[in-house]
């Protein structure tokens, strides 16, 4: 019986689905890299979320590994090139947490518009600071969506329902797709110049790394509000803090950080910042979906060779 390691916390349905498919699931979460290296050769496949990083060193130790499934969309915690070199298929679940992540980004935007977390904390403290938390309306404001893939498209759609003017920067978007969505395609400099709110929904890669930096901020409207539920590494955190302190950025809402877990951070204590601990995809609905999908993908590949949402399919025989 083929063995599948579930290395990160996943809904029980992941284990159940694997067993129903005739595979042997083994749940070992919270392992150190050394612990994982010592046992990874025992498994035919591994399922991870964001806690486990599969480095080249670990992949080279995985002498029996045939497949990796990421219960989520991003695969930046997996050395895909190393997997390709060892003929290991890498798959993700790009649609399972789309709505949850998009809704979180929208909730962060609304929190910035009305200072809801700060006002709640103030009221819990017995204060009544109505003037301090004067906000802005979303209606008729311009939302700039940087990256309009699965998640960005849902954000754009919902923002349209809020009567916002939505502009989009995505090099892969076609005019036909933009017309279908009812959004305006612009280049990145135009988006920065026009948007009242900017939300990022890009993957982490050499092109996007550090794209939210001092130069980008200087091109933005004074008083812009920024949301990042994508990846921490797309921003230069020191530059964002400088923009917040100067007032050029009116507010920032972030769910992701350059280094996680972020138990100590340069944004802590800033009054115009809303922070959450990488929970955008953490809804019961999303976790059930990605757990089932990851398990089904592994089973399909190990048992029949079927490839679903393969990241490196062209490089694996």
C-alpha atoms as a PDB file:
ATOM      1  CA  UNK A   1       0.000   0.000   0.000  1.00  0.00           C
ATOM      2  CA  UNK A   2       1.376   3.390  -0.998  1.00  0.00           C
ATOM      3  CA  UNK A   3       2.077   5.722   1.928  1.00  0.00           C
ATOM      4  CA  UNK A   4       1.184   9.424   1.961  1.00  0.00           C
ATOM      5  CA  UNK A   5       2.579  11.800   4.559  1.00  0.00           C
ATOM      6  CA  UNK A   6       0.317  14.626   5.715  1.00  0.00           C
ATOM      7  CA  UNK A   7       2.999  16.972   7.031  1.00  0.00           C
ATOM      8  CA  UNK A   8       0.862  19.978   7.955  1.00  0.00           C
ATOM      9  CA  UNK A   9      -2.435  20.338   9.764  1.00  0.00           C
ATOM     10  CA  UNK A  10      -5.291  19.574   7.410  1.00  0.00           C
ATOM     11  CA  UNK A  11      -8.957  18.822   7.745  1.00  0.00           C
ATOM     12  CA  UNK A  12      -9.683  15.229   8.757  1.00  0.00           C
ATOM     13  CA  UNK A  13     -11.266  14.739   5.329  1.00  0.00           C
ATOM     14  CA  UNK A  14      -7.765  14.629   3.818  1.00  0.00           C
ATOM     15  CA  UNK A  15      -6.859  11.513   5.779  1.00  0.00           C
ATOM     16  CA  UNK A  16     -10.286   9.973   5.264  1.00  0.00           C
ATOM     17  CA  UNK A  17     -10.216  10.510   1.494  1.00  0.00           C
ATOM     18  CA  UNK A  18      -6.767   8.959   1.117  1.00  0.00           C
ATOM     19  CA  UNK A  19      -7.832   5.898   3.079  1.00  0.00           C
ATOM     20  CA  UNK A  20     -11.032   5.539   1.045  1.00  0.00           C
ATOM     21  CA  UNK A  21      -8.926   5.597  -2.118  1.00  0.00           C
ATOM     22  CA  UNK A  22      -6.827   2.687  -0.877  1.00  0.00           C
ATOM     23  CA  UNK A  23      -3.770   4.611   0.277  1.00  0.00           C
ATOM     24  CA  UNK A  24      -2.122   4.666   3.698  1.00  0.00           C
ATOM     25  CA  UNK A  25      -2.173   8.183   5.193  1.00  0.00           C
ATOM     26  CA  UNK A  26       0.313   9.045   7.928  1.00  0.00           C
ATOM     27  CA  UNK A  27      -0.227  12.272   9.866  1.00  0.00           C
ATOM     28  CA  UNK A  28       2.956  13.810  11.267  1.00  0.00           C
ATOM     29  CA  UNK A  29       2.659  17.552  11.702  1.00  0.00           C
ATOM     30  CA  UNK A  30       5.032  20.077  13.222  1.00  0.00           C
ATOM     31  CA  UNK A  31       8.210  18.178  12.350  1.00  0.00           C
ATOM     32  CA  UNK A  32      11.528  19.977  12.220  1.00  0.00           C
ATOM     33  CA  UNK A  33      13.444  19.843   8.914  1.00  0.00           C
ATOM     34  CA  UNK A  34      15.786  17.279  10.466  1.00  0.00           C
ATOM     35  CA  UNK A  35      12.903  15.081  11.593  1.00  0.00           C
ATOM     36  CA  UNK A  36      11.263  15.291   8.185  1.00  0.00           C
ATOM     37  CA  UNK A  37      14.532  14.490   6.426  1.00  0.00           C
ATOM     38  CA  UNK A  38      14.941  11.386   8.558  1.00  0.00           C
ATOM     39  CA  UNK A  39      11.595   9.906   7.509  1.00  0.00           C
ATOM     40  CA  UNK A  40      10.663  11.399   4.131  1.00  0.00           C
ATOM     41  CA  UNK A  41      12.162   8.477   2.180  1.00  0.00           C
ATOM     42  CA  UNK A  42       9.392   6.246   3.559  1.00  0.00           C
ATOM     43  CA  UNK A  43       6.663   7.972   1.584  1.00  0.00           C
ATOM     44  CA  UNK A  44       5.338   7.843  -1.954  1.00  0.00           C
ATOM     45  CA  UNK A  45       3.731  11.288  -1.641  1.00  0.00           C
ATOM     46  CA  UNK A  46       3.477  14.216   0.733  1.00  0.00           C
ATOM     47  CA  UNK A  47       0.760  16.778   1.368  1.00  0.00           C
ATOM     48  CA  UNK A  48       1.722  20.178   2.802  1.00  0.00           C
ATOM     49  CA  UNK A  49       0.167  23.535   3.458  1.00  0.00           C
ATOM     50  CA  UNK A  50       2.311  26.575   4.265  1.00  0.00           C
ATOM     51  CA  UNK A  51       4.046  25.460   7.476  1.00  0.00           C
ATOM     52  CA  UNK A  52       6.381  22.918   5.881  1.00  0.00           C
ATOM     53  CA  UNK A  53       9.087  24.064   3.473  1.00  0.00           C
ATOM     54  CA  UNK A  54      10.278  21.398   1.083  1.00  0.00           C
ATOM     55  CA  UNK A  55      13.850  22.417   0.327  1.00  0.00           C
ATOM     56  CA  UNK A  56      16.228  20.866  -2.188  1.00  0.00           C
ATOM     57  CA  UNK A  57      17.938  19.047   0.677  1.00  0.00           C
ATOM     58  CA  UNK A  58      14.667  17.423   1.733  1.00  0.00           C
ATOM     59  CA  UNK A  59      13.710  16.556  -1.835  1.00  0.00           C
ATOM     60  CA  UNK A  60      17.065  14.858  -2.398  1.00  0.00           C
ATOM     61  CA  UNK A  61      16.441  12.749   0.714  1.00  0.00           C
ATOM     62  CA  UNK A  62      12.983  11.740  -0.562  1.00  0.00           C
ATOM     63  CA  UNK A  63      14.233   8.774  -2.572  1.00  0.00           C
ATOM     64  CA  UNK A  64      10.785   7.162  -2.922  1.00  0.00           C
ATOM     65  CA  UNK A  65       8.738  10.334  -3.396  1.00  0.00           C
ATOM     66  CA  UNK A  66       6.599  10.568  -6.516  1.00  0.00           C
ATOM     67  CA  UNK A  67       4.263  13.479  -5.806  1.00  0.00           C
ATOM     68  CA  UNK A  68       3.777  16.585  -3.681  1.00  0.00           C
ATOM     69  CA  UNK A  69       0.413  18.256  -3.189  1.00  0.00           C
ATOM     70  CA  UNK A  70       0.034  21.748  -1.758  1.00  0.00           C
ATOM     71  CA  UNK A  71      -3.326  22.154  -0.022  1.00  0.00           C
ATOM     72  CA  UNK A  72      -3.555  25.754  -1.187  1.00  0.00           C
ATOM     73  CA  UNK A  73      -2.552  27.825  -4.177  1.00  0.00           C
ATOM     74  CA  UNK A  74       0.982  29.099  -3.562  1.00  0.00           C
ATOM     75  CA  UNK A  75       3.928  26.729  -3.994  1.00  0.00           C
ATOM     76  CA  UNK A  76       6.744  29.068  -2.950  1.00  0.00           C
ATOM     77  CA  UNK A  77       7.444  26.784   0.039  1.00  0.00           C
ATOM     78  CA  UNK A  78       8.277  23.959  -2.375  1.00  0.00           C
ATOM     79  CA  UNK A  79      11.488  23.737  -4.414  1.00  0.00           C
ATOM     80  CA  UNK A  80       9.711  22.910  -7.659  1.00  0.00           C
ATOM     81  CA  UNK A  81      12.937  22.774  -9.660  1.00  0.00           C
ATOM     82  CA  UNK A  82      14.378  20.199  -7.274  1.00  0.00           C
ATOM     83  CA  UNK A  83      11.201  18.156  -7.577  1.00  0.00           C
ATOM     84  CA  UNK A  84      11.374  18.292 -11.363  1.00  0.00           C
ATOM     85  CA  UNK A  85      14.962  17.123 -11.248  1.00  0.00           C
ATOM     86  CA  UNK A  86      13.891  14.067  -9.251  1.00  0.00           C
ATOM     87  CA  UNK A  87      10.821  13.396 -11.453  1.00  0.00           C
ATOM     88  CA  UNK A  88       8.452  14.338  -8.613  1.00  0.00           C
ATOM     89  CA  UNK A  89       5.128  15.857  -9.632  1.00  0.00           C
ATOM     90  CA  UNK A  90       4.052  19.021  -7.798  1.00  0.00           C
ATOM     91  CA  UNK A  91       0.354  19.916  -7.648  1.00  0.00           C
ATOM     92  CA  UNK A  92      -1.670  22.619  -5.953  1.00  0.00           C
ATOM     93  CA  UNK A  93      -5.343  23.377  -5.285  1.00  0.00           C
ATOM     94  CA  UNK A  94      -5.725  26.803  -6.905  1.00  0.00           C
ATOM     95  CA  UNK A  95      -9.486  27.167  -6.519  1.00  0.00           C
ATOM     96  CA  UNK A  96     -10.169  25.689  -3.088  1.00  0.00           C
ATOM     97  CA  UNK A  97      -9.483  28.803  -1.034  1.00  0.00           C
ATOM     98  CA  UNK A  98     -10.238  31.427  -3.683  1.00  0.00           C
ATOM     99  CA  UNK A  99     -13.450  32.791  -2.197  1.00  0.00           C
ATOM    100  CA  UNK A 100     -12.176  32.730   1.385  1.00  0.00           C
ATOM    101  CA  UNK A 101      -9.040  34.674   0.496  1.00  0.00           C
ATOM    102  CA  UNK A 102     -10.937  37.158  -1.655  1.00  0.00           C
ATOM    103  CA  UNK A 103     -13.507  37.762   1.083  1.00  0.00           C
ATOM    104  CA  UNK A 104     -10.712  38.334   3.598  1.00  0.00           C
ATOM    105  CA  UNK A 105      -9.131  40.935   1.328  1.00  0.00           C
ATOM    106  CA  UNK A 106     -12.481  42.698   1.056  1.00  0.00           C
ATOM    107  CA  UNK A 107     -12.938  42.555   4.829  1.00  0.00           C
ATOM    108  CA  UNK A 108      -9.497  44.115   5.239  1.00  0.00           C
ATOM    109  CA  UNK A 109     -10.439  46.852   2.787  1.00  0.00           C
ATOM    110  CA  UNK A 110     -13.602  47.631   4.734  1.00  0.00           C
ATOM    111  CA  UNK A 111     -11.625  47.607   7.978  1.00  0.00           C
ATOM    112  CA  UNK A 112      -9.267  50.212   6.530  1.00  0.00           C
ATOM    113  CA  UNK A 113     -12.142  52.320   5.246  1.00  0.00           C
ATOM    114  CA  UNK A 114     -13.911  52.431   8.627  1.00  0.00           C
ATOM    115  CA  UNK A 115     -11.126  51.552  11.135  1.00  0.00           C
ATOM    116  CA  UNK A 116     -13.290  48.754  12.490  1.00  0.00           C
ATOM    117  CA  UNK A 117     -10.634  46.816  14.490  1.00  0.00           C
ATOM    118  CA  UNK A 118      -9.297  49.999  16.095  1.00  0.00           C
ATOM    119  CA  UNK A 119     -12.777  51.313  16.895  1.00  0.00           C
ATOM    120  CA  UNK A 120     -13.752  47.954  18.386  1.00  0.00           C
ATOM    121  CA  UNK A 121     -10.658  47.859  20.619  1.00  0.00           C
ATOM    122  CA  UNK A 122     -11.303  51.448  21.716  1.00  0.00           C
ATOM    123  CA  UNK A 123     -14.925  50.729  22.580  1.00  0.00           C
ATOM    124  CA  UNK A 124     -13.960  47.581  24.500  1.00  0.00           C
ATOM    125  CA  UNK A 125     -11.598  49.790  26.492  1.00  0.00           C
ATOM    126  CA  UNK A 126     -14.560  51.935  27.594  1.00  0.00           C
ATOM    127  CA  UNK A 127     -13.793  54.864  25.327  1.00  0.00           C
ATOM    128  CA  UNK A 128     -16.198  56.679  23.018  1.00  0.00           C
ATOM    129  CA  UNK A 129     -13.957  58.105  20.281  1.00  0.00           C
ATOM    130  CA  UNK A 130     -16.394  58.883  17.482  1.00  0.00           C
ATOM    131  CA  UNK A 131     -14.367  61.663  15.886  1.00  0.00           C
ATOM    132  CA  UNK A 132     -11.117  59.689  15.976  1.00  0.00           C
ATOM    133  CA  UNK A 133     -12.463  56.940  13.732  1.00  0.00           C
ATOM    134  CA  UNK A 134     -14.005  58.937  10.930  1.00  0.00           C
ATOM    135  CA  UNK A 135     -13.782  56.786   7.828  1.00  0.00           C
ATOM    136  CA  UNK A 136     -14.378  56.927   4.092  1.00  0.00           C
ATOM    137  CA  UNK A 137     -16.998  55.370   1.825  1.00  0.00           C
ATOM    138  CA  UNK A 138     -16.119  52.701  -0.707  1.00  0.00           C
ATOM    139  CA  UNK A 139     -18.818  53.752  -3.157  1.00  0.00           C
ATOM    140  CA  UNK A 140     -17.344  55.591  -6.161  1.00  0.00           C
ATOM    141  CA  UNK A 141     -13.792  55.010  -4.924  1.00  0.00           C
ATOM    142  CA  UNK A 142     -11.259  53.446  -7.294  1.00  0.00           C
ATOM    143  CA  UNK A 143      -9.916  50.008  -6.404  1.00  0.00           C
ATOM    144  CA  UNK A 144      -6.703  48.921  -8.078  1.00  0.00           C
ATOM    145  CA  UNK A 145      -6.291  45.148  -8.308  1.00  0.00           C
ATOM    146  CA  UNK A 146      -2.699  44.057  -8.915  1.00  0.00           C
ATOM    147  CA  UNK A 147      -2.936  40.524 -10.256  1.00  0.00           C
ATOM    148  CA  UNK A 148      -6.321  39.400 -11.511  1.00  0.00           C
ATOM    149  CA  UNK A 149      -6.127  35.625 -11.414  1.00  0.00           C
ATOM    150  CA  UNK A 150      -8.538  33.445  -9.464  1.00  0.00           C
ATOM    151  CA  UNK A 151      -8.558  35.509  -6.261  1.00  0.00           C
ATOM    152  CA  UNK A 152      -8.123  38.941  -7.817  1.00  0.00           C
ATOM    153  CA  UNK A 153     -11.040  38.284 -10.159  1.00  0.00           C
ATOM    154  CA  UNK A 154     -13.368  37.478  -7.256  1.00  0.00           C
ATOM    155  CA  UNK A 155     -12.251  40.629  -5.428  1.00  0.00           C
ATOM    156  CA  UNK A 156     -12.885  42.707  -8.553  1.00  0.00           C
ATOM    157  CA  UNK A 157     -16.321  41.167  -9.012  1.00  0.00           C
ATOM    158  CA  UNK A 158     -17.399  41.803  -5.420  1.00  0.00           C
ATOM    159  CA  UNK A 159     -15.978  45.336  -5.462  1.00  0.00           C
ATOM    160  CA  UNK A 160     -18.109  46.093  -8.505  1.00  0.00           C
ATOM    161  CA  UNK A 161     -21.130  45.144  -6.433  1.00  0.00           C
ATOM    162  CA  UNK A 162     -20.031  47.744  -3.891  1.00  0.00           C
ATOM    163  CA  UNK A 163     -20.211  50.355  -6.677  1.00  0.00           C
ATOM    164  CA  UNK A 164     -16.458  50.833  -6.761  1.00  0.00           C
ATOM    165  CA  UNK A 165     -14.611  51.698  -9.946  1.00  0.00           C
ATOM    166  CA  UNK A 166     -12.261  48.762 -10.540  1.00  0.00           C
ATOM    167  CA  UNK A 167      -9.009  49.018 -12.470  1.00  0.00           C
ATOM    168  CA  UNK A 168      -6.711  46.052 -13.013  1.00  0.00           C
ATOM    169  CA  UNK A 169      -3.066  45.411 -13.771  1.00  0.00           C
ATOM    170  CA  UNK A 170      -2.302  41.896 -14.943  1.00  0.00           C
ATOM    171  CA  UNK A 171       0.074  41.204 -17.852  1.00  0.00           C
ATOM    172  CA  UNK A 172      -1.774  37.971 -18.617  1.00  0.00           C
ATOM    173  CA  UNK A 173      -5.246  39.489 -18.823  1.00  0.00           C
ATOM    174  CA  UNK A 174      -6.853  39.872 -22.230  1.00  0.00           C
ATOM    175  CA  UNK A 175      -9.045  42.748 -23.366  1.00  0.00           C
ATOM    176  CA  UNK A 176     -11.890  40.287 -23.816  1.00  0.00           C
ATOM    177  CA  UNK A 177     -11.572  39.045 -20.230  1.00  0.00           C
ATOM    178  CA  UNK A 178     -11.488  42.602 -18.868  1.00  0.00           C
ATOM    179  CA  UNK A 179     -14.563  43.503 -20.884  1.00  0.00           C
ATOM    180  CA  UNK A 180     -16.345  40.392 -19.626  1.00  0.00           C
ATOM    181  CA  UNK A 181     -15.536  41.330 -16.023  1.00  0.00           C
ATOM    182  CA  UNK A 182     -16.450  44.972 -16.451  1.00  0.00           C
ATOM    183  CA  UNK A 183     -13.069  46.269 -15.330  1.00  0.00           C
ATOM    184  CA  UNK A 184     -10.567  48.643 -16.888  1.00  0.00           C
ATOM    185  CA  UNK A 185      -7.103  47.383 -17.797  1.00  0.00           C
ATOM    186  CA  UNK A 186      -4.263  49.784 -17.018  1.00  0.00           C
ATOM    187  CA  UNK A 187      -0.510  49.636 -16.658  1.00  0.00           C
ATOM    188  CA  UNK A 188       0.966  49.549 -13.172  1.00  0.00           C
ATOM    189  CA  UNK A 189       1.951  53.213 -13.061  1.00  0.00           C
ATOM    190  CA  UNK A 190      -1.584  54.229 -14.065  1.00  0.00           C
ATOM    191  CA  UNK A 191      -3.044  51.997 -11.378  1.00  0.00           C
ATOM    192  CA  UNK A 192      -0.798  53.553  -8.738  1.00  0.00           C
ATOM    193  CA  UNK A 193      -1.740  57.064  -9.834  1.00  0.00           C
ATOM    194  CA  UNK A 194      -5.511  56.483  -9.919  1.00  0.00           C
ATOM    195  CA  UNK A 195      -6.357  54.033  -7.129  1.00  0.00           C
ATOM    196  CA  UNK A 196      -7.739  55.023  -3.742  1.00  0.00           C
ATOM    197  CA  UNK A 197      -7.359  51.425  -2.553  1.00  0.00           C
ATOM    198  CA  UNK A 198      -4.818  48.923  -3.880  1.00  0.00           C
ATOM    199  CA  UNK A 199      -5.030  45.176  -3.281  1.00  0.00           C
ATOM    200  CA  UNK A 200      -2.298  42.727  -4.295  1.00  0.00           C
ATOM    201  CA  UNK A 201      -3.054  39.228  -5.578  1.00  0.00           C
ATOM    202  CA  UNK A 202       0.181  38.094  -7.205  1.00  0.00           C
ATOM    203  CA  UNK A 203       2.360  35.048  -6.701  1.00  0.00           C
ATOM    204  CA  UNK A 204       5.817  35.346  -5.211  1.00  0.00           C
ATOM    205  CA  UNK A 205       8.481  35.214  -7.932  1.00  0.00           C
ATOM    206  CA  UNK A 206      11.575  37.182  -8.996  1.00  0.00           C
ATOM    207  CA  UNK A 207       9.400  39.731 -10.827  1.00  0.00           C
ATOM    208  CA  UNK A 208       7.059  40.446  -7.926  1.00  0.00           C
ATOM    209  CA  UNK A 209       9.580  40.248  -5.077  1.00  0.00           C
ATOM    210  CA  UNK A 210       9.769  43.646  -3.394  1.00  0.00           C
ATOM    211  CA  UNK A 211       7.458  45.277  -5.952  1.00  0.00           C
ATOM    212  CA  UNK A 212       5.714  47.261  -3.214  1.00  0.00           C
ATOM    213  CA  UNK A 213       8.657  49.502  -2.436  1.00  0.00           C
ATOM    214  CA  UNK A 214       9.644  53.143  -2.014  1.00  0.00           C
ATOM    215  CA  UNK A 215       9.557  53.842  -5.756  1.00  0.00           C
ATOM    216  CA  UNK A 216       6.104  52.295  -6.173  1.00  0.00           C
ATOM    217  CA  UNK A 217       4.717  54.145  -3.157  1.00  0.00           C
ATOM    218  CA  UNK A 218       5.962  57.462  -4.531  1.00  0.00           C
ATOM    219  CA  UNK A 219       3.791  56.889  -7.622  1.00  0.00           C
ATOM    220  CA  UNK A 220       0.653  56.310  -5.559  1.00  0.00           C
ATOM    221  CA  UNK A 221      -1.959  58.841  -4.538  1.00  0.00           C
ATOM    222  CA  UNK A 222      -1.356  60.525  -1.207  1.00  0.00           C
ATOM    223  CA  UNK A 223      -3.789  58.892   1.194  1.00  0.00           C
ATOM    224  CA  UNK A 224      -3.837  55.519  -0.572  1.00  0.00           C
ATOM    225  CA  UNK A 225      -4.938  52.456   1.398  1.00  0.00           C
ATOM    226  CA  UNK A 226      -3.123  49.180   0.654  1.00  0.00           C
ATOM    227  CA  UNK A 227      -4.188  45.561   1.205  1.00  0.00           C
ATOM    228  CA  UNK A 228      -1.812  42.599   0.964  1.00  0.00           C
ATOM    229  CA  UNK A 229      -3.248  39.107   1.326  1.00  0.00           C
ATOM    230  CA  UNK A 230      -0.822  37.639  -1.216  1.00  0.00           C
ATOM    231  CA  UNK A 231       2.746  37.158   0.025  1.00  0.00           C
ATOM    232  CA  UNK A 232       4.861  39.168   2.439  1.00  0.00           C
ATOM    233  CA  UNK A 233       7.872  39.069   0.153  1.00  0.00           C
ATOM    234  CA  UNK A 234       6.230  41.233  -2.503  1.00  0.00           C
ATOM    235  CA  UNK A 235       6.810  44.273  -0.292  1.00  0.00           C
ATOM    236  CA  UNK A 236       9.754  46.022   1.293  1.00  0.00           C
ATOM    237  CA  UNK A 237       8.362  46.333   4.806  1.00  0.00           C
ATOM    238  CA  UNK A 238      10.619  49.220   5.809  1.00  0.00           C
ATOM    239  CA  UNK A 239       9.421  51.251   2.801  1.00  0.00           C
ATOM    240  CA  UNK A 240       5.764  50.594   3.628  1.00  0.00           C
ATOM    241  CA  UNK A 241       6.345  51.674   7.233  1.00  0.00           C
ATOM    242  CA  UNK A 242       8.024  54.872   6.048  1.00  0.00           C
ATOM    243  CA  UNK A 243       5.003  55.574   3.831  1.00  0.00           C
ATOM    244  CA  UNK A 244       2.651  55.018   6.751  1.00  0.00           C
ATOM    245  CA  UNK A 245       4.613  57.291   9.071  1.00  0.00           C
ATOM    246  CA  UNK A 246       4.801  60.053   6.478  1.00  0.00           C
ATOM    247  CA  UNK A 247       1.067  59.904   5.826  1.00  0.00           C
ATOM    248  CA  UNK A 248       1.499  59.135   2.139  1.00  0.00           C
ATOM    249  CA  UNK A 249      -0.118  55.776   2.882  1.00  0.00           C
ATOM    250  CA  UNK A 250      -3.283  56.387   4.905  1.00  0.00           C
ATOM    251  CA  UNK A 251      -3.619  52.781   5.941  1.00  0.00           C
ATOM    252  CA  UNK A 252      -2.236  49.303   5.400  1.00  0.00           C
ATOM    253  CA  UNK A 253      -3.927  45.943   5.965  1.00  0.00           C
ATOM    254  CA  UNK A 254      -1.763  42.853   5.831  1.00  0.00           C
ATOM    255  CA  UNK A 255      -2.266  39.141   6.320  1.00  0.00           C
ATOM    256  CA  UNK A 256       1.231  38.094   5.215  1.00  0.00           C
ATOM    257  CA  UNK A 257       4.783  38.958   6.227  1.00  0.00           C
ATOM    258  CA  UNK A 258       8.307  38.579   4.927  1.00  0.00           C
ATOM    259  CA  UNK A 259       9.104  36.344   7.901  1.00  0.00           C
ATOM    260  CA  UNK A 260       6.428  34.178   9.467  1.00  0.00           C
ATOM    261  CA  UNK A 261       5.286  33.690  12.138  1.00  0.00           C
ATOM    262  CA  UNK A 262       5.475  37.434  12.724  1.00  0.00           C
ATOM    263  CA  UNK A 263       5.625  37.542  16.507  1.00  0.00           C
ATOM    264  CA  UNK A 264       7.631  40.768  16.421  1.00  0.00           C
ATOM    265  CA  UNK A 265       7.233  43.215  13.552  1.00  0.00           C
ATOM    266  CA  UNK A 266       7.972  46.795  12.537  1.00  0.00           C
ATOM    267  CA  UNK A 267       4.245  47.382  11.852  1.00  0.00           C
ATOM    268  CA  UNK A 268       3.228  46.550  15.401  1.00  0.00           C
ATOM    269  CA  UNK A 269       1.841  49.545  17.273  1.00  0.00           C
ATOM    270  CA  UNK A 270       1.063  51.658  14.191  1.00  0.00           C
ATOM    271  CA  UNK A 271      -2.464  53.023  14.524  1.00  0.00           C
ATOM    272  CA  UNK A 272      -3.184  53.024  10.795  1.00  0.00           C
ATOM    273  CA  UNK A 273      -2.413  49.340  10.301  1.00  0.00           C
ATOM    274  CA  UNK A 274      -4.691  46.286  10.431  1.00  0.00           C
ATOM    275  CA  UNK A 275      -2.929  42.930  10.767  1.00  0.00           C
ATOM    276  CA  UNK A 276      -4.046  39.309  10.790  1.00  0.00           C
ATOM    277  CA  UNK A 277      -1.925  36.122  11.195  1.00  0.00           C
ATOM    278  CA  UNK A 278      -2.050  34.671   7.655  1.00  0.00           C
ATOM    279  CA  UNK A 279      -5.662  33.542   7.972  1.00  0.00           C
ATOM    280  CA  UNK A 280      -7.106  34.669   4.628  1.00  0.00           C
ATOM    281  CA  UNK A 281      -7.657  31.079   3.518  1.00  0.00           C
ATOM    282  CA  UNK A 282      -8.553  29.864   6.998  1.00  0.00           C
ATOM    283  CA  UNK A 283     -12.248  29.213   6.797  1.00  0.00           C
ATOM    284  CA  UNK A 284     -13.821  25.863   7.519  1.00  0.00           C
ATOM    285  CA  UNK A 285     -15.237  25.834   4.001  1.00  0.00           C
ATOM    286  CA  UNK A 286     -11.855  26.380   2.347  1.00  0.00           C
ATOM    287  CA  UNK A 287      -9.972  23.924   4.530  1.00  0.00           C
ATOM    288  CA  UNK A 288     -12.433  21.138   3.821  1.00  0.00           C
ATOM    289  CA  UNK A 289     -12.218  21.823   0.097  1.00  0.00           C
ATOM    290  CA  UNK A 290      -8.422  21.944  -0.196  1.00  0.00           C
ATOM    291  CA  UNK A 291      -7.995  18.917   2.070  1.00  0.00           C
ATOM    292  CA  UNK A 292     -10.280  16.829  -0.125  1.00  0.00           C
ATOM    293  CA  UNK A 293      -8.806  18.141  -3.372  1.00  0.00           C
ATOM    294  CA  UNK A 294      -5.193  17.531  -2.326  1.00  0.00           C
ATOM    295  CA  UNK A 295      -5.995  13.981  -1.264  1.00  0.00           C
ATOM    296  CA  UNK A 296      -7.880  13.263  -4.487  1.00  0.00           C
ATOM    297  CA  UNK A 297      -5.033  14.659  -6.592  1.00  0.00           C
ATOM    298  CA  UNK A 298      -2.471  12.461  -4.858  1.00  0.00           C
ATOM    299  CA  UNK A 299      -4.680   9.383  -5.190  1.00  0.00           C
ATOM    300  CA  UNK A 300      -5.405  10.042  -8.859  1.00  0.00           C
ATOM    301  CA  UNK A 301      -1.724  10.391  -9.662  1.00  0.00           C
ATOM    302  CA  UNK A 302      -0.402   7.481  -7.613  1.00  0.00           C
ATOM    303  CA  UNK A 303      -3.123   5.070  -8.676  1.00  0.00           C
ATOM    304  CA  UNK A 304      -3.832   6.017 -12.282  1.00  0.00           C
ATOM    305  CA  UNK A 305      -1.256   8.608 -13.355  1.00  0.00           C
ATOM    306  CA  UNK A 306      -3.898  11.316 -13.717  1.00  0.00           C
ATOM    307  CA  UNK A 307      -2.497  14.821 -13.239  1.00  0.00           C
ATOM    308  CA  UNK A 308      -4.685  17.607 -11.869  1.00  0.00           C
ATOM    309  CA  UNK A 309      -3.330  21.167 -11.458  1.00  0.00           C
ATOM    310  CA  UNK A 310       0.257  19.999 -12.002  1.00  0.00           C
ATOM    311  CA  UNK A 311       2.794  22.796 -11.584  1.00  0.00           C
ATOM    312  CA  UNK A 312       5.694  20.995 -13.256  1.00  0.00           C
ATOM    313  CA  UNK A 313       3.855  18.506 -15.463  1.00  0.00           C
ATOM    314  CA  UNK A 314       6.001  19.351 -18.478  1.00  0.00           C
ATOM    315  CA  UNK A 315       9.136  18.328 -16.595  1.00  0.00           C
ATOM    316  CA  UNK A 316       7.931  15.064 -15.096  1.00  0.00           C
ATOM    317  CA  UNK A 317       7.800  11.871 -17.157  1.00  0.00           C
END
